[in-house]
Amino acid sequence: MATIRAAQAADCPAMLELIRELAIYERQPDAVTLSMEEFVDSGFGEQPVWGAFVAERDDRIIGLALYYIRYS
């Protein structure tokens, strides 16, 4: 069974790896162009533009739900 929790900055490497895996699955491996520093800053910096929840099992992140803070 997985546990769902709010993402933390320390989760960013695993989250970015899942995002890259999705891009490869969607046959767009070059679509992910941001660096780890940009990813962490955009989610956990002074002015975050996204938030996320992660699914964790056996101390390993197996999924994520990323949301953007924006009105449209």
N, C-alpha and C. Protein backbone atom coordinates (compact mmCIF):
# COMPACT_ATOMS: atom_id res chain seq x y z
N MET A 1 0.84 -1.18 0.00
CA MET A 1 0.00 0.00 0.00
C MET A 1 0.89 1.24 0.00
N ALA A 2 0.48 2.24 -0.75
CA ALA A 2 1.24 3.48 -0.84
C ALA A 2 0.72 4.51 0.14
N THR A 3 1.60 5.41 0.54
CA THR A 3 1.25 6.54 1.39
C THR A 3 1.30 7.80 0.54
N ILE A 4 0.30 8.65 0.66
CA ILE A 4 0.26 9.93 -0.06
C ILE A 4 0.62 11.02 0.93
N ARG A 5 1.54 11.90 0.53
CA ARG A 5 1.94 13.01 1.39
C ARG A 5 2.36 14.20 0.54
N ALA A 6 2.40 15.36 1.16
CA ALA A 6 2.87 16.56 0.47
C ALA A 6 4.35 16.39 0.12
N ALA A 7 4.70 16.83 -1.05
CA ALA A 7 6.09 16.73 -1.50
C ALA A 7 6.97 17.69 -0.71
N GLN A 8 8.24 17.31 -0.59
CA GLN A 8 9.25 18.13 0.06
C GLN A 8 10.38 18.34 -0.94
N ALA A 9 11.20 19.36 -0.72
CA ALA A 9 12.30 19.66 -1.63
C ALA A 9 13.21 18.45 -1.82
N ALA A 10 13.40 17.65 -0.79
CA ALA A 10 14.26 16.47 -0.88
C ALA A 10 13.70 15.42 -1.85
N ASP A 11 12.43 15.53 -2.19
CA ASP A 11 11.80 14.58 -3.11
C ASP A 11 12.05 14.93 -4.58
N CYS A 12 12.59 16.10 -4.84
CA CYS A 12 12.72 16.58 -6.22
C CYS A 12 13.50 15.65 -7.15
N PRO A 13 14.62 15.06 -6.73
CA PRO A 13 15.30 14.15 -7.66
C PRO A 13 14.41 12.99 -8.13
N ALA A 14 13.68 12.38 -7.22
CA ALA A 14 12.79 11.27 -7.60
C ALA A 14 11.63 11.77 -8.45
N MET A 15 11.10 12.94 -8.11
CA MET A 15 9.99 13.50 -8.89
C MET A 15 10.43 13.83 -10.30
N LEU A 16 11.58 14.46 -10.44
CA LEU A 16 12.07 14.82 -11.77
C LEU A 16 12.37 13.57 -12.59
N GLU A 17 12.84 12.53 -11.95
CA GLU A 17 13.07 11.27 -12.66
C GLU A 17 11.75 10.70 -13.18
N LEU A 18 10.69 10.75 -12.40
CA LEU A 18 9.39 10.29 -12.87
C LEU A 18 8.89 11.14 -14.03
N ILE A 19 9.11 12.44 -13.97
CA ILE A 19 8.71 13.34 -15.06
C ILE A 19 9.48 12.99 -16.34
N ARG A 20 10.77 12.72 -16.21
CA ARG A 20 11.58 12.33 -17.37
C ARG A 20 11.11 10.98 -17.94
N GLU A 21 10.78 10.05 -17.06
CA GLU A 21 10.27 8.75 -17.52
C GLU A 21 8.97 8.92 -18.30
N LEU A 22 8.10 9.82 -17.85
CA LEU A 22 6.86 10.08 -18.56
C LEU A 22 7.15 10.67 -19.94
N ALA A 23 8.09 11.59 -20.01
CA ALA A 23 8.45 12.19 -21.30
C ALA A 23 8.97 11.13 -22.27
N ILE A 24 9.76 10.20 -21.77
CA ILE A 24 10.27 9.11 -22.62
C ILE A 24 9.10 8.24 -23.08
N TYR A 25 8.20 7.91 -22.17
CA TYR A 25 7.03 7.11 -22.52
C TYR A 25 6.20 7.79 -23.60
N GLU A 26 6.09 9.11 -23.52
CA GLU A 26 5.31 9.88 -24.50
C GLU A 26 6.12 10.19 -25.76
N ARG A 27 7.28 9.58 -25.88
CA ARG A 27 8.17 9.73 -27.04
C ARG A 27 8.62 11.18 -27.24
N GLN A 28 8.86 11.86 -26.12
CA GLN A 28 9.38 13.22 -26.15
C GLN A 28 10.50 13.36 -25.13
N PRO A 29 11.55 12.57 -25.26
CA PRO A 29 12.60 12.56 -24.24
C PRO A 29 13.33 13.89 -24.08
N ASP A 30 13.29 14.74 -25.09
CA ASP A 30 13.96 16.04 -25.01
C ASP A 30 13.05 17.15 -24.49
N ALA A 31 11.82 16.80 -24.11
CA ALA A 31 10.86 17.81 -23.66
C ALA A 31 11.18 18.37 -22.28
N VAL A 32 11.87 17.61 -21.44
CA VAL A 32 12.22 18.07 -20.09
C VAL A 32 13.58 18.74 -20.17
N THR A 33 13.57 20.07 -20.05
CA THR A 33 14.81 20.83 -20.25
C THR A 33 15.31 21.55 -19.01
N LEU A 34 14.55 21.54 -17.94
CA LEU A 34 14.97 22.30 -16.77
C LEU A 34 16.00 21.53 -15.95
N SER A 35 16.81 22.28 -15.22
CA SER A 35 17.81 21.68 -14.34
C SER A 35 17.17 21.33 -12.99
N MET A 36 17.88 20.56 -12.20
CA MET A 36 17.39 20.23 -10.86
C MET A 36 17.24 21.51 -10.04
N GLU A 37 18.19 22.42 -10.16
CA GLU A 37 18.12 23.68 -9.41
C GLU A 37 16.88 24.47 -9.79
N GLU A 38 16.57 24.55 -11.07
CA GLU A 38 15.37 25.26 -11.53
C GLU A 38 14.10 24.57 -11.01
N PHE A 39 14.10 23.25 -11.02
CA PHE A 39 12.94 22.50 -10.57
C PHE A 39 12.68 22.74 -9.09
N VAL A 40 13.73 22.64 -8.28
CA VAL A 40 13.59 22.86 -6.84
C VAL A 40 13.15 24.29 -6.56
N ASP A 41 13.78 25.25 -7.20
CA ASP A 41 13.46 26.66 -6.96
C ASP A 41 12.02 26.97 -7.37
N SER A 42 11.56 26.41 -8.48
CA SER A 42 10.20 26.73 -8.94
C SER A 42 9.13 26.09 -8.06
N GLY A 43 9.50 25.09 -7.26
CA GLY A 43 8.53 24.46 -6.38
C GLY A 43 8.70 24.79 -4.91
N PHE A 44 9.93 25.14 -4.52
CA PHE A 44 10.19 25.34 -3.10
C PHE A 44 10.99 26.62 -2.82
N GLY A 45 11.17 27.46 -3.82
CA GLY A 45 11.90 28.70 -3.65
C GLY A 45 11.04 29.78 -3.01
N GLU A 46 11.47 31.01 -3.15
CA GLU A 46 10.76 32.14 -2.53
C GLU A 46 9.39 32.38 -3.15
N GLN A 47 9.24 32.10 -4.43
CA GLN A 47 7.95 32.30 -5.11
C GLN A 47 7.58 31.03 -5.89
N PRO A 48 7.15 29.99 -5.20
CA PRO A 48 6.85 28.74 -5.89
C PRO A 48 5.69 28.89 -6.87
N VAL A 49 5.78 28.18 -7.98
CA VAL A 49 4.71 28.21 -8.99
C VAL A 49 4.00 26.87 -9.09
N TRP A 50 4.46 25.88 -8.35
CA TRP A 50 3.79 24.59 -8.34
C TRP A 50 3.90 23.96 -6.96
N GLY A 51 3.04 23.00 -6.74
CA GLY A 51 3.08 22.18 -5.54
C GLY A 51 2.86 20.74 -5.97
N ALA A 52 3.06 19.81 -5.06
CA ALA A 52 2.91 18.41 -5.44
C ALA A 52 2.62 17.53 -4.23
N PHE A 53 2.05 16.39 -4.53
CA PHE A 53 1.90 15.30 -3.58
C PHE A 53 2.64 14.11 -4.18
N VAL A 54 3.20 13.29 -3.33
CA VAL A 54 3.88 12.09 -3.81
C VAL A 54 3.25 10.85 -3.20
N ALA A 55 3.32 9.77 -3.95
CA ALA A 55 2.92 8.45 -3.46
C ALA A 55 4.21 7.71 -3.14
N GLU A 56 4.28 7.17 -1.94
CA GLU A 56 5.50 6.54 -1.46
C GLU A 56 5.19 5.13 -0.94
N ARG A 57 6.05 4.19 -1.32
CA ARG A 57 5.93 2.82 -0.81
C ARG A 57 7.33 2.30 -0.53
N ASP A 58 7.50 1.72 0.63
CA ASP A 58 8.81 1.19 1.03
C ASP A 58 9.91 2.24 0.89
N ASP A 59 9.62 3.46 1.35
CA ASP A 59 10.57 4.58 1.32
C ASP A 59 11.02 4.94 -0.10
N ARG A 60 10.19 4.66 -1.08
CA ARG A 60 10.50 4.99 -2.48
C ARG A 60 9.31 5.71 -3.09
N ILE A 61 9.57 6.81 -3.79
CA ILE A 61 8.50 7.55 -4.45
C ILE A 61 8.13 6.82 -5.73
N ILE A 62 6.85 6.46 -5.83
CA ILE A 62 6.38 5.69 -6.97
C ILE A 62 5.40 6.47 -7.84
N GLY A 63 4.99 7.65 -7.41
CA GLY A 63 4.07 8.46 -8.19
C GLY A 63 4.01 9.87 -7.66
N LEU A 64 3.44 10.76 -8.47
CA LEU A 64 3.29 12.14 -8.03
C LEU A 64 2.09 12.79 -8.70
N ALA A 65 1.58 13.80 -8.04
CA ALA A 65 0.54 14.67 -8.59
C ALA A 65 1.05 16.09 -8.42
N LEU A 66 1.34 16.74 -9.53
CA LEU A 66 1.90 18.08 -9.52
C LEU A 66 0.83 19.06 -9.95
N TYR A 67 0.69 20.16 -9.24
CA TYR A 67 -0.31 21.16 -9.59
C TYR A 67 0.33 22.53 -9.66
N TYR A 68 -0.25 23.35 -10.52
CA TYR A 68 0.25 24.72 -10.71
C TYR A 68 -0.65 25.69 -9.99
N ILE A 69 -0.08 26.71 -9.41
CA ILE A 69 -0.85 27.74 -8.71
C ILE A 69 -1.15 28.83 -9.73
N ARG A 70 -2.36 28.77 -10.31
CA ARG A 70 -2.70 29.72 -11.35
C ARG A 70 -4.23 29.77 -11.51
N TYR A 71 -4.72 30.95 -11.75
CA TYR A 71 -6.13 31.11 -12.08
C TYR A 71 -6.23 31.36 -13.57
N SER A 72 -7.27 30.82 -14.20
CA SER A 72 -7.45 31.07 -15.63
C SER A 72 -8.93 31.11 -15.93
